[in-house]
Amino acid sequence: MIPSCPVCDERRWDSILHGQAPLNTVTDLHGDGGDRRRMDYHLVRCAACGHLYNRAFDDGLVGAMYTDVPLTNVPVHPSMLTRLQDLSEWLDVDGLSGKNVVEIGCGSGHLARILAMRAAQVRLYEPNRNLRPEMLAEANIQLHQGLFTSDDARDPADLVICRQVLEHVADPLALLRIIRKALRPDGRVYLEVPDAAFIEAHASFSDLHQQHVQYFTIGNLIRLARAAGLHPWRVLSIKDGHDMGVLLQGEPRPDPLSAFPDRSVSESGLAARLAARLAATRRTVAGLRGRIALYGANAYGQSFFNATEGIGRYDHVFDDTQALIGRYGLFGVNTTLPIREPTPEALARCDSVIVCAYLHDTAICERIRGKGFSGRVLTIRPSPLPAGASALTSVYDA
């Protein structure tokens, strides 16, 4: 349990959502079921700074969650690699020539491989044992399979990248202080996290799951970074505001970012809006006829499935990650959905497909239409659909 706010150390909080949530995203269909545990989840809002966090999180479960599980965010579409390339350019990859880079929580290692084309050395820290050294062919990449600790900070870096990691950590300030220690005097840090403002604005219940402990606003993320001795330089909006990135350095800069407020309290009635959106979603799913498949065996899919288990007539979940197909599945209290390949034959047996990997919903819709699927395609995207997405229907508007 987290006793006080990870941003401001306040012990008072307001309850937003309380229940049980799966510890892992997927289950091994051929395993002993030990990866199907459900743990207490308690989303609260700090009474002082407004930070959202899972107060019930048990830091002792980190090993079970991240050590021997399938790799996440493996690029399965050209757009995913394009985003990484765009990020490398935003980070000024050309300026990394002859420099040392550290990436904390590198996932599948694809960004590291892009950076290694310019940097002198890229050191990776990744606890997932399914990322193996032979998957990283570049001679200037060093893989350390474990968490990033103070001992690892002894060899200073010119750039430290911490993408989609800080939200998984019970004590983010402690990690940021280690990162600051690992930085050269003129070095930079890139932090990337989901933006809590997106969840707040759209009451996105599928973004709430056991893997995410912290839900940062830009103000509170910068406040926490400053407390660790890191100062903002540039801010990047990612995936239409779903995520955000901040480039920081050790010395303060006289720029507009200094004006971001420390306090980010929201009076948005989030608890009531989450409950209303969940109820509306269940009504929509209950009204669907025929065979339904989910698409996207990720944390959003797990969260959506658990919220609608027993209501939707689900048979399986599609995913494009080859390592998941046939071996893993999403799981609920009473049901397991095997992960299958979205072949034309498998799609033809479905009446509706609900896209849970909603950050890629337009590309997924285009892909399955190209395979001949003529049924209904719905997305759990909580925000308005983008222009040109006429082939999609929002599950909230169906």
Foldseek 3Di string as FASTA:
>chain_A
DQQADLQPRHRDKAWQDKDKFQLELWDFPPDPCPRGDIDIFTWIARPFFRWTFGRRFDPVCVCVHFAEDDFPPDDLDVVSLVVLVVVCVVVVLQVQAAFEEEEFACGQCSSVLVSLVHHQAYEYEGQYPVNDPVSRPDPRYHYDNHGDDLVNLPAAGQEYEYEAHLQQDSNSLRVLLSNQSSHDQNHKYKYKHFALVLCLVQVQQLVDHNRGGTHDHPLSVQSSNVVSQWEFDDKDQPLPNRMIMTMTHNDYDPDPVVVRDNHDHDPSSSSVSNVVLLVLLLVLQLPDDAEEEEEDSGSSVLSNCQSNPPRHNYAAYEYSPPVQAPTIFRDYPPDTHGYHHLALVVLVRTQEYEYRVQSCQQVVLVVNVVRVRDHAYEYCPSDDDDPPSVSYHHSSRD
